[in-house]
PDB file of all heavy atoms in Angstrom:
ATOM      1  N   GLY A   1      92.583  81.498  83.029  1.00  0.00           N
ATOM      2  CA  GLY A   1      92.910  81.865  84.408  1.00  0.00           C
ATOM      3  C   GLY A   1      94.008  82.912  84.469  1.00  0.00           C
ATOM      4  O   GLY A   1      93.937  83.865  85.240  1.00  0.00           O
ATOM      5  N   LEU A   2      95.034  82.736  83.614  1.00  0.00           N
ATOM      6  CA  LEU A   2      96.125  83.713  83.569  1.00  0.00           C
ATOM      7  C   LEU A   2      95.607  85.073  83.105  1.00  0.00           C
ATOM      8  O   LEU A   2      95.967  86.112  83.671  1.00  0.00           O
ATOM      9  CB  LEU A   2      97.226  83.210  82.628  1.00  0.00           C
ATOM     10  CG  LEU A   2      98.485  84.065  82.546  1.00  0.00           C
ATOM     11  CD1 LEU A   2      99.144  84.169  83.915  1.00  0.00           C
ATOM     12  CD2 LEU A   2      99.461  83.472  81.539  1.00  0.00           C
ATOM     13  N   HIS A   3      94.726  85.046  82.121  1.00  0.00           N
ATOM     14  CA  HIS A   3      94.122  86.299  81.645  1.00  0.00           C
ATOM     15  C   HIS A   3      93.328  86.966  82.766  1.00  0.00           C
ATOM     16  O   HIS A   3      93.421  88.184  82.981  1.00  0.00           O
ATOM     17  CB  HIS A   3      93.221  86.019  80.437  1.00  0.00           C
ATOM     18  CG  HIS A   3      92.460  87.205  79.965  1.00  0.00           C
ATOM     19  ND1 HIS A   3      93.063  88.258  79.331  1.00  0.00           N
ATOM     20  CD2 HIS A   3      91.146  87.519  80.059  1.00  0.00           C
ATOM     21  CE1 HIS A   3      92.145  89.175  79.057  1.00  0.00           C
ATOM     22  NE2 HIS A   3      90.972  88.743  79.480  1.00  0.00           N
ATOM     23  N   ARG A   4      92.559  86.149  83.491  1.00  0.00           N
ATOM     24  CA  ARG A   4      91.760  86.689  84.591  1.00  0.00           C
ATOM     25  C   ARG A   4      92.653  87.251  85.689  1.00  0.00           C
ATOM     26  O   ARG A   4      92.385  88.322  86.241  1.00  0.00           O
ATOM     27  CB  ARG A   4      90.869  85.582  85.150  1.00  0.00           C
ATOM     28  CG  ARG A   4      89.914  86.085  86.192  1.00  0.00           C
ATOM     29  CD  ARG A   4      88.750  85.141  86.387  1.00  0.00           C
ATOM     30  NE  ARG A   4      87.828  85.744  87.339  1.00  0.00           N
ATOM     31  CZ  ARG A   4      87.470  85.179  88.476  1.00  0.00           C
ATOM     32  NH1 ARG A   4      87.924  83.989  88.787  1.00  0.00           N
ATOM     33  NH2 ARG A   4      86.649  85.784  89.292  1.00  0.00           N
ATOM     34  N   VAL A   5      93.733  86.528  86.016  1.00  0.00           N
ATOM     35  CA  VAL A   5      94.669  87.000  87.045  1.00  0.00           C
ATOM     36  C   VAL A   5      95.295  88.323  86.606  1.00  0.00           C
ATOM     37  O   VAL A   5      95.398  89.269  87.399  1.00  0.00           O
ATOM     38  CB  VAL A   5      95.750  85.929  87.329  1.00  0.00           C
ATOM     39  CG1 VAL A   5      96.912  86.510  88.115  1.00  0.00           C
ATOM     40  CG2 VAL A   5      95.144  84.764  88.079  1.00  0.00           C
ATOM     41  N   ARG A   6      95.706  88.393  85.343  1.00  0.00           N
ATOM     42  CA  ARG A   6      96.298  89.650  84.836  1.00  0.00           C
ATOM     43  C   ARG A   6      95.286  90.788  84.897  1.00  0.00           C
ATOM     44  O   ARG A   6      95.628  91.914  85.266  1.00  0.00           O
ATOM     45  CB  ARG A   6      96.793  89.458  83.404  1.00  0.00           C
ATOM     46  CG  ARG A   6      98.075  88.694  83.313  1.00  0.00           C
ATOM     47  CD  ARG A   6      98.539  88.569  81.882  1.00  0.00           C
ATOM     48  NE  ARG A   6      99.780  87.796  81.811  1.00  0.00           N
ATOM     49  CZ  ARG A   6     100.177  87.150  80.741  1.00  0.00           C
ATOM     50  NH1 ARG A   6      99.455  87.164  79.642  1.00  0.00           N
ATOM     51  NH2 ARG A   6     101.312  86.482  80.765  1.00  0.00           N
ATOM     52  N   THR A   7      94.041  90.489  84.521  1.00  0.00           N
ATOM     53  CA  THR A   7      92.994  91.515  84.562  1.00  0.00           C
ATOM     54  C   THR A   7      92.783  91.998  85.996  1.00  0.00           C
ATOM     55  O   THR A   7      92.698  93.206  86.249  1.00  0.00           O
ATOM     56  CB  THR A   7      91.680  90.957  83.983  1.00  0.00           C
ATOM     57  OG1 THR A   7      91.920  90.518  82.645  1.00  0.00           O
ATOM     58  CG2 THR A   7      90.593  91.999  83.981  1.00  0.00           C
ATOM     59  N   LEU A   8      92.707  91.058  86.934  1.00  0.00           N
ATOM     60  CA  LEU A   8      92.526  91.442  88.338  1.00  0.00           C
ATOM     61  C   LEU A   8      93.735  92.213  88.856  1.00  0.00           C
ATOM     62  O   LEU A   8      93.590  93.187  89.616  1.00  0.00           O
ATOM     63  CB  LEU A   8      92.284  90.196  89.199  1.00  0.00           C
ATOM     64  CG  LEU A   8      90.941  89.489  88.980  1.00  0.00           C
ATOM     65  CD1 LEU A   8      90.901  88.178  89.743  1.00  0.00           C
ATOM     66  CD2 LEU A   8      89.792  90.392  89.395  1.00  0.00           C
ATOM     67  N   TRP A   9      94.946  91.809  88.458  1.00  0.00           N
ATOM     68  CA  TRP A   9      96.167  92.501  88.876  1.00  0.00           C
ATOM     69  C   TRP A   9      96.174  93.931  88.340  1.00  0.00           C
ATOM     70  O   TRP A   9      96.471  94.877  89.064  1.00  0.00           O
ATOM     71  CB  TRP A   9      97.389  91.722  88.389  1.00  0.00           C
ATOM     72  CG  TRP A   9      98.676  92.412  88.683  1.00  0.00           C
ATOM     73  CD1 TRP A   9      99.545  92.950  87.784  1.00  0.00           C
ATOM     74  CD2 TRP A   9      99.260  92.674  89.969  1.00  0.00           C
ATOM     75  NE1 TRP A   9     100.610  93.510  88.408  1.00  0.00           N
ATOM     76  CE2 TRP A   9     100.467  93.365  89.763  1.00  0.00           C
ATOM     77  CE3 TRP A   9      98.868  92.402  91.260  1.00  0.00           C
ATOM     78  CZ2 TRP A   9     101.289  93.768  90.802  1.00  0.00           C
ATOM     79  CZ3 TRP A   9      99.693  92.815  92.293  1.00  0.00           C
ATOM     80  CH2 TRP A   9     100.884  93.478  92.059  1.00  0.00           C
ATOM     81  N   ARG A  10      95.809  94.072  87.064  1.00  0.00           N
ATOM     82  CA  ARG A  10      95.760  95.422  86.478  1.00  0.00           C
ATOM     83  C   ARG A  10      94.704  96.270  87.182  1.00  0.00           C
ATOM     84  O   ARG A  10      94.921  97.460  87.442  1.00  0.00           O
ATOM     85  CB  ARG A  10      95.451  95.341  84.981  1.00  0.00           C
ATOM     86  CG  ARG A  10      96.618  94.856  84.170  1.00  0.00           C
ATOM     87  CD  ARG A  10      96.291  94.801  82.693  1.00  0.00           C
ATOM     88  NE  ARG A  10      97.382  94.202  81.942  1.00  0.00           N
ATOM     89  CZ  ARG A  10      97.222  93.368  80.946  1.00  0.00           C
ATOM     90  NH1 ARG A  10      96.023  93.034  80.535  1.00  0.00           N
ATOM     91  NH2 ARG A  10      98.271  92.869  80.319  1.00  0.00           N
ATOM     92  N   SER A  11      93.573  95.659  87.482  1.00  0.00           N
ATOM     93  CA  SER A  11      92.518  96.380  88.190  1.00  0.00           C
ATOM     94  C   SER A  11      93.013  96.831  89.565  1.00  0.00           C
ATOM     95  O   SER A  11      92.779  97.976  89.970  1.00  0.00           O
ATOM     96  CB  SER A  11      91.293  95.480  88.329  1.00  0.00           C
ATOM     97  OG  SER A  11      90.301  96.112  89.082  1.00  0.00           O
ATOM     98  N   ALA A  12      93.704  95.933  90.259  1.00  0.00           N
ATOM     99  CA  ALA A  12      94.248  96.294  91.585  1.00  0.00           C
ATOM    100  C   ALA A  12      95.276  97.410  91.448  1.00  0.00           C
ATOM    101  O   ALA A  12      95.299  98.352  92.255  1.00  0.00           O
ATOM    102  CB  ALA A  12      94.870  95.065  92.242  1.00  0.00           C
ATOM    103  N   GLN A  13      96.128  97.325  90.429  1.00  0.00           N
ATOM    104  CA  GLN A  13      97.128  98.379  90.213  1.00  0.00           C
ATOM    105  C   GLN A  13      96.449  99.701  89.886  1.00  0.00           C
ATOM    106  O   GLN A  13      96.878 100.757  90.355  1.00  0.00           O
ATOM    107  CB  GLN A  13      98.080  97.983  89.077  1.00  0.00           C
ATOM    108  CG  GLN A  13      99.095  96.945  89.481  1.00  0.00           C
ATOM    109  CD  GLN A  13     100.035  96.602  88.337  1.00  0.00           C
ATOM    110  OE1 GLN A  13      99.642  96.588  87.175  1.00  0.00           O
ATOM    111  NE2 GLN A  13     101.279  96.337  88.673  1.00  0.00           N
ATOM    112  N   ARG A  14      95.389  99.652  89.053  1.00  0.00           N
ATOM    113  CA  ARG A  14      94.666 100.887  88.718  1.00  0.00           C
ATOM    114  C   ARG A  14      94.053 101.513  89.964  1.00  0.00           C
ATOM    115  O   ARG A  14      94.104 102.728  90.140  1.00  0.00           O
ATOM    116  CB  ARG A  14      93.569 100.590  87.694  1.00  0.00           C
ATOM    117  CG  ARG A  14      94.076 100.433  86.294  1.00  0.00           C
ATOM    118  CD  ARG A  14      92.920 100.311  85.287  1.00  0.00           C
ATOM    119  NE  ARG A  14      93.435  99.848  84.025  1.00  0.00           N
ATOM    120  CZ  ARG A  14      93.153  98.695  83.475  1.00  0.00           C
ATOM    121  NH1 ARG A  14      92.329  97.860  84.061  1.00  0.00           N
ATOM    122  NH2 ARG A  14      93.678  98.351  82.309  1.00  0.00           N
ATOM    123  N   LYS A  15      93.464 100.671  90.820  1.00  0.00           N
ATOM    124  CA  LYS A  15      92.860 101.196  92.046  1.00  0.00           C
ATOM    125  C   LYS A  15      93.920 101.834  92.937  1.00  0.00           C
ATOM    126  O   LYS A  15      93.704 102.918  93.484  1.00  0.00           O
ATOM    127  CB  LYS A  15      92.133 100.083  92.801  1.00  0.00           C
ATOM    128  CG  LYS A  15      90.831  99.679  92.158  1.00  0.00           C
ATOM    129  CD  LYS A  15      90.160  98.559  92.921  1.00  0.00           C
ATOM    130  CE  LYS A  15      88.893  98.102  92.218  1.00  0.00           C
ATOM    131  NZ  LYS A  15      88.273  96.962  92.886  1.00  0.00           N
ATOM    132  N   ALA A  16      95.059 101.171  93.062  1.00  0.00           N
ATOM    133  CA  ALA A  16      96.137 101.723  93.894  1.00  0.00           C
ATOM    134  C   ALA A  16      96.638 103.038  93.303  1.00  0.00           C
ATOM    135  O   ALA A  16      96.838 104.025  94.033  1.00  0.00           O
ATOM    136  CB  ALA A  16      97.289 100.719  93.999  1.00  0.00           C
ATOM    137  N   LYS A  17      96.836 103.069  91.985  1.00  0.00           N
ATOM    138  CA  LYS A  17      97.301 104.297  91.327  1.00  0.00           C
ATOM    139  C   LYS A  17      96.247 105.390  91.449  1.00  0.00           C
ATOM    140  O   LYS A  17      96.580 106.563  91.653  1.00  0.00           O
ATOM    141  CB  LYS A  17      97.609 104.007  89.852  1.00  0.00           C
ATOM    142  CG  LYS A  17      98.343 105.115  89.155  1.00  0.00           C
ATOM    143  CD  LYS A  17      99.713 105.287  89.741  1.00  0.00           C
ATOM    144  CE  LYS A  17     100.528 106.264  88.917  1.00  0.00           C
ATOM    145  NZ  LYS A  17     101.847 106.469  89.474  1.00  0.00           N
ATOM    146  N   ASP A  18      94.971 105.014  91.344  1.00  0.00           N
ATOM    147  CA  ASP A  18      93.877 105.974  91.494  1.00  0.00           C
ATOM    148  C   ASP A  18      93.923 106.614  92.883  1.00  0.00           C
ATOM    149  O   ASP A  18      93.831 107.844  93.012  1.00  0.00           O
ATOM    150  CB  ASP A  18      92.540 105.259  91.272  1.00  0.00           C
ATOM    151  CG  ASP A  18      91.359 106.180  91.414  1.00  0.00           C
ATOM    152  OD1 ASP A  18      91.266 107.152  90.634  1.00  0.00           O
ATOM    153  OD2 ASP A  18      90.523 105.934  92.305  1.00  0.00           O
ATOM    154  N   ARG A  19      94.069 105.755  93.943  1.00  0.00           N
ATOM    155  CA  ARG A  19      94.166 106.297  95.308  1.00  0.00           C
ATOM    156  C   ARG A  19      95.369 107.221  95.439  1.00  0.00           C
ATOM    157  O   ARG A  19      95.279 108.309  96.017  1.00  0.00           O
ATOM    158  CB  ARG A  19      94.270 105.154  96.317  1.00  0.00           C
ATOM    159  CG  ARG A  19      92.971 104.508  96.679  1.00  0.00           C
ATOM    160  CD  ARG A  19      93.104 103.597  97.893  1.00  0.00           C
ATOM    161  NE  ARG A  19      94.098 102.555  97.733  1.00  0.00           N
ATOM    162  CZ  ARG A  19      93.871 101.369  97.185  1.00  0.00           C
ATOM    163  NH1 ARG A  19      92.671 101.060  96.755  1.00  0.00           N
ATOM    164  NH2 ARG A  19      94.836 100.480  97.090  1.00  0.00           N
ATOM    165  N   GLU A  20      96.506 106.784  94.880  1.00  0.00           N
ATOM    166  CA  GLU A  20      97.735 107.584  94.973  1.00  0.00           C
ATOM    167  C   GLU A  20      97.557 108.931  94.275  1.00  0.00           C
ATOM    168  O   GLU A  20      97.919 109.978  94.821  1.00  0.00           O
ATOM    169  CB  GLU A  20      98.875 106.792  94.325  1.00  0.00           C
ATOM    170  CG  GLU A  20     100.211 107.482  94.378  1.00  0.00           C
ATOM    171  CD  GLU A  20     101.290 106.660  93.675  1.00  0.00           C
ATOM    172  OE1 GLU A  20     101.242 105.407  93.758  1.00  0.00           O
ATOM    173  OE2 GLU A  20     102.159 107.274  93.044  1.00  0.00           O
ATOM    174  N   LEU A  21      96.979 108.911  93.076  1.00  0.00           N
ATOM    175  CA  LEU A  21      96.779 110.156  92.338  1.00  0.00           C
ATOM    176  C   LEU A  21      95.779 111.065  93.049  1.00  0.00           C
ATOM    177  O   LEU A  21      95.951 112.291  93.081  1.00  0.00           O
ATOM    178  CB  LEU A  21      96.322 109.859  90.909  1.00  0.00           C
ATOM    179  CG  LEU A  21      97.379 109.249  89.992  1.00  0.00           C
ATOM    180  CD1 LEU A  21      96.765 108.868  88.652  1.00  0.00           C
ATOM    181  CD2 LEU A  21      98.548 110.197  89.784  1.00  0.00           C
ATOM    182  N   ARG A  22      94.735 110.466  93.615  1.00  0.00           N
ATOM    183  CA  ARG A  22      93.755 111.288  94.348  1.00  0.00           C
ATOM    184  C   ARG A  22      94.409 111.945  95.569  1.00  0.00           C
ATOM    185  O   ARG A  22      94.140 113.107  95.873  1.00  0.00           O
ATOM    186  CB  ARG A  22      92.552 110.448  94.770  1.00  0.00           C
ATOM    187  CG  ARG A  22      91.660 110.102  93.600  1.00  0.00           C
ATOM    188  CD  ARG A  22      90.406 109.348  94.024  1.00  0.00           C
ATOM    189  NE  ARG A  22      89.677 108.862  92.887  1.00  0.00           N
ATOM    190  CZ  ARG A  22      88.819 109.587  92.169  1.00  0.00           C
ATOM    191  NH1 ARG A  22      88.605 110.834  92.493  1.00  0.00           N
ATOM    192  NH2 ARG A  22      88.199 109.062  91.143  1.00  0.00           N
ATOM    193  N   GLN A  23      95.284 111.212  96.263  1.00  0.00           N
ATOM    194  CA  GLN A  23      96.005 111.796  97.401  1.00  0.00           C
ATOM    195  C   GLN A  23      96.920 112.919  96.920  1.00  0.00           C
ATOM    196  O   GLN A  23      96.979 113.990  97.544  1.00  0.00           O
ATOM    197  CB  GLN A  23      96.816 110.720  98.121  1.00  0.00           C
ATOM    198  CG  GLN A  23      95.985 109.748  98.916  1.00  0.00           C
ATOM    199  CD  GLN A  23      96.799 108.604  99.494  1.00  0.00           C
ATOM    200  OE1 GLN A  23      97.961 108.413  99.152  1.00  0.00           O
ATOM    201  NE2 GLN A  23      96.176 107.818 100.373  1.00  0.00           N
ATOM    202  N   ASP A  24      97.622 112.682  95.806  1.00  0.00           N
ATOM    203  CA  ASP A  24      98.494 113.722  95.255  1.00  0.00           C
ATOM    204  C   ASP A  24      97.689 114.959  94.883  1.00  0.00           C
ATOM    205  O   ASP A  24      98.107 116.096  95.153  1.00  0.00           O
ATOM    206  CB  ASP A  24      99.249 113.200  94.021  1.00  0.00           C
ATOM    207  CG  ASP A  24     100.329 112.189  94.372  1.00  0.00           C
ATOM    208  OD1 ASP A  24     100.644 112.045  95.579  1.00  0.00           O
ATOM    209  OD2 ASP A  24     100.853 111.544  93.441  1.00  0.00           O
ATOM    210  N   ILE A  25      96.530 114.747  94.261  1.00  0.00           N
ATOM    211  CA  ILE A  25      95.681 115.873  93.873  1.00  0.00           C
ATOM    212  C   ILE A  25      95.204 116.626  95.110  1.00  0.00           C
ATOM    213  O   ILE A  25      95.193 117.864  95.121  1.00  0.00           O
ATOM    214  CB  ILE A  25      94.487 115.386  93.010  1.00  0.00           C
ATOM    215  CG1 ILE A  25      94.977 114.983  91.621  1.00  0.00           C
ATOM    216  CG2 ILE A  25      93.417 116.458  92.904  1.00  0.00           C
ATOM    217  CD1 ILE A  25      93.944 114.297  90.775  1.00  0.00           C
ATOM    218  N   GLU A  26      94.836 115.902  96.150  1.00  0.00           N
ATOM    219  CA  GLU A  26      94.384 116.549  97.387  1.00  0.00           C
ATOM    220  C   GLU A  26      95.513 117.388  97.997  1.00  0.00           C
ATOM    221  O   GLU A  26      95.293 118.531  98.398  1.00  0.00           O
ATOM    222  CB  GLU A  26      93.887 115.495  98.389  1.00  0.00           C
ATOM    223  CG  GLU A  26      93.337 116.068  99.670  1.00  0.00           C
ATOM    224  CD  GLU A  26      92.107 116.923  99.464  1.00  0.00           C
ATOM    225  OE1 GLU A  26      91.331 116.664  98.530  1.00  0.00           O
ATOM    226  OE2 GLU A  26      91.934 117.879 100.237  1.00  0.00           O
ATOM    227  N   ILE A  27      96.709 116.822  98.036  1.00  0.00           N
ATOM    228  CA  ILE A  27      97.865 117.547  98.581  1.00  0.00           C
ATOM    229  C   ILE A  27      98.150 118.781  97.735  1.00  0.00           C
ATOM    230  O   ILE A  27      98.356 119.883  98.265  1.00  0.00           O
ATOM    231  CB  ILE A  27      99.100 116.627  98.658  1.00  0.00           C
ATOM    232  CG1 ILE A  27      98.887 115.566  99.743  1.00  0.00           C
ATOM    233  CG2 ILE A  27     100.371 117.426  98.935  1.00  0.00           C
ATOM    234  CD1 ILE A  27      99.908 114.445  99.726  1.00  0.00           C
ATOM    235  N   LEU A  28      98.153 118.603  96.414  1.00  0.00           N
ATOM    236  CA  LEU A  28      98.415 119.742  95.525  1.00  0.00           C
ATOM    237  C   LEU A  28      97.321 120.796  95.643  1.00  0.00           C
ATOM    238  O   LEU A  28      97.601 121.996  95.599  1.00  0.00           O
ATOM    239  CB  LEU A  28      98.539 119.265  94.074  1.00  0.00           C
ATOM    240  CG  LEU A  28      99.793 118.457  93.755  1.00  0.00           C
ATOM    241  CD1 LEU A  28      99.715 117.900  92.342  1.00  0.00           C
ATOM    242  CD2 LEU A  28     101.043 119.298  93.922  1.00  0.00           C
ATOM    243  N   SER A  29      96.084 120.353  95.813  1.00  0.00           N
ATOM    244  CA  SER A  29      94.979 121.289  95.977  1.00  0.00           C
ATOM    245  C   SER A  29      95.147 122.108  97.255  1.00  0.00           C
ATOM    246  O   SER A  29      94.961 123.327  97.259  1.00  0.00           O
ATOM    247  CB  SER A  29      93.656 120.522  96.011  1.00  0.00           C
ATOM    248  OG  SER A  29      92.590 121.388  96.264  1.00  0.00           O
ATOM    249  N   GLN A  30      95.515 121.431  98.352  1.00  0.00           N
ATOM    250  CA  GLN A  30      95.743 122.154  99.615  1.00  0.00           C
ATOM    251  C   GLN A  30      96.917 123.110  99.495  1.00  0.00           C
ATOM    252  O   GLN A  30      96.842 124.254  99.963  1.00  0.00           O
ATOM    253  CB  GLN A  30      95.984 121.147 100.743  1.00  0.00           C
ATOM    254  CG  GLN A  30      94.765 120.341 101.117  1.00  0.00           C
ATOM    255  CD  GLN A  30      95.085 119.232 102.100  1.00  0.00           C
ATOM    256  OE1 GLN A  30      96.224 119.043 102.498  1.00  0.00           O
ATOM    257  NE2 GLN A  30      94.052 118.485 102.497  1.00  0.00           N
ATOM    258  N   THR A  31      97.984 122.658  98.842  1.00  0.00           N
ATOM    259  CA  THR A  31      99.152 123.522  98.641  1.00  0.00           C
ATOM    260  C   THR A  31      98.763 124.736  97.804  1.00  0.00           C
ATOM    261  O   THR A  31      99.130 125.873  98.121  1.00  0.00           O
ATOM    262  CB  THR A  31     100.287 122.741  97.946  1.00  0.00           C
ATOM    263  OG1 THR A  31     100.613 121.601  98.742  1.00  0.00           O
ATOM    264  CG2 THR A  31     101.513 123.611  97.769  1.00  0.00           C
ATOM    265  N   PHE A  32      97.998 124.497  96.732  1.00  0.00           N
ATOM    266  CA  PHE A  32      97.554 125.592  95.871  1.00  0.00           C
ATOM    267  C   PHE A  32      96.697 126.578  96.653  1.00  0.00           C
ATOM    268  O   PHE A  32      96.858 127.801  96.521  1.00  0.00           O
ATOM    269  CB  PHE A  32      96.772 125.024  94.676  1.00  0.00           C
ATOM    270  CG  PHE A  32      96.244 126.066  93.751  1.00  0.00           C
ATOM    271  CD1 PHE A  32      97.083 126.712  92.859  1.00  0.00           C
ATOM    272  CD2 PHE A  32      94.895 126.403  93.766  1.00  0.00           C
ATOM    273  CE1 PHE A  32      96.602 127.678  92.012  1.00  0.00           C
ATOM    274  CE2 PHE A  32      94.408 127.364  92.920  1.00  0.00           C
ATOM    275  CZ  PHE A  32      95.256 128.010  92.026  1.00  0.00           C
ATOM    276  N   SER A  33      95.800 126.045  97.504  1.00  0.00           N
ATOM    277  CA  SER A  33      94.946 126.920  98.314  1.00  0.00           C
ATOM    278  C   SER A  33      95.788 127.775  99.258  1.00  0.00           C
ATOM    279  O   SER A  33      95.537 128.978  99.405  1.00  0.00           O
ATOM    280  CB  SER A  33      93.952 126.090  99.124  1.00  0.00           C
ATOM    281  OG  SER A  33      93.049 125.451  98.274  1.00  0.00           O
ATOM    282  N   ARG A  34      96.805 127.151  99.900  1.00  0.00           N
ATOM    283  CA  ARG A  34      97.676 127.927 100.796  1.00  0.00           C
ATOM    284  C   ARG A  34      98.424 129.008 100.027  1.00  0.00           C
ATOM    285  O   ARG A  34      98.524 130.160 100.487  1.00  0.00           O
ATOM    286  CB  ARG A  34      98.660 126.997 101.499  1.00  0.00           C
ATOM    287  CG  ARG A  34      98.078 126.229 102.648  1.00  0.00           C
ATOM    288  CD  ARG A  34      99.154 125.598 103.520  1.00  0.00           C
ATOM    289  NE  ARG A  34     100.053 124.723 102.796  1.00  0.00           N
ATOM    290  CZ  ARG A  34      99.856 123.428 102.579  1.00  0.00           C
ATOM    291  NH1 ARG A  34      98.767 122.850 103.040  1.00  0.00           N
ATOM    292  NH2 ARG A  34     100.743 122.711 101.920  1.00  0.00           N
ATOM    293  N   VAL A  35      98.957 128.660  98.854  1.00  0.00           N
ATOM    294  CA  VAL A  35      99.693 129.641  98.044  1.00  0.00           C
ATOM    295  C   VAL A  35      98.758 130.769  97.622  1.00  0.00           C
ATOM    296  O   VAL A  35      99.127 131.950  97.682  1.00  0.00           O
ATOM    297  CB  VAL A  35     100.341 128.950  96.815  1.00  0.00           C
ATOM    298  CG1 VAL A  35     100.858 129.963  95.825  1.00  0.00           C
ATOM    299  CG2 VAL A  35     101.462 128.029  97.260  1.00  0.00           C
ATOM    300  N   MET A  36      97.524 130.408  97.210  1.00  0.00           N
ATOM    301  CA  MET A  36      96.565 131.441  96.790  1.00  0.00           C
ATOM    302  C   MET A  36      96.188 132.344  97.961  1.00  0.00           C
ATOM    303  O   MET A  36      96.088 133.560  97.804  1.00  0.00           O
ATOM    304  CB  MET A  36      95.312 130.793  96.186  1.00  0.00           C
ATOM    305  CG  MET A  36      95.541 130.190  94.808  1.00  0.00           C
ATOM    306  SD  MET A  36      96.211 131.342  93.606  1.00  0.00           S
ATOM    307  CE  MET A  36      94.899 132.508  93.482  1.00  0.00           C
ATOM    308  N   ASP A  37      95.998 131.759  99.153  1.00  0.00           N
ATOM    309  CA  ASP A  37      95.693 132.564 100.333  1.00  0.00           C
ATOM    310  C   ASP A  37      96.837 133.522 100.639  1.00  0.00           C
ATOM    311  O   ASP A  37      96.617 134.700 100.949  1.00  0.00           O
ATOM    312  CB  ASP A  37      95.421 131.661 101.551  1.00  0.00           C
ATOM    313  CG  ASP A  37      94.106 130.918 101.443  1.00  0.00           C
ATOM    314  OD1 ASP A  37      93.258 131.315 100.615  1.00  0.00           O
ATOM    315  OD2 ASP A  37      93.934 129.927 102.192  1.00  0.00           O
ATOM    316  N   CYS A  38      98.069 133.023 100.540  1.00  0.00           N
ATOM    317  CA  CYS A  38      99.249 133.854 100.788  1.00  0.00           C
ATOM    318  C   CYS A  38      99.303 135.003  99.779  1.00  0.00           C
ATOM    319  O   CYS A  38      99.526 136.155 100.140  1.00  0.00           O
ATOM    320  CB  CYS A  38     100.510 132.989 100.707  1.00  0.00           C
ATOM    321  SG  CYS A  38     102.033 133.892 101.010  1.00  0.00           S
TER     322      CYS A  38
END
């Protein structure tokens, strides 16, 4: 059960980090596009 809880916790953390990184990438992509347009 502890192993399963840890696995689920890590999975939840990975999903949260994945969302955070995708948002960061989107922001950086928009910033890069604005800089390139400028």
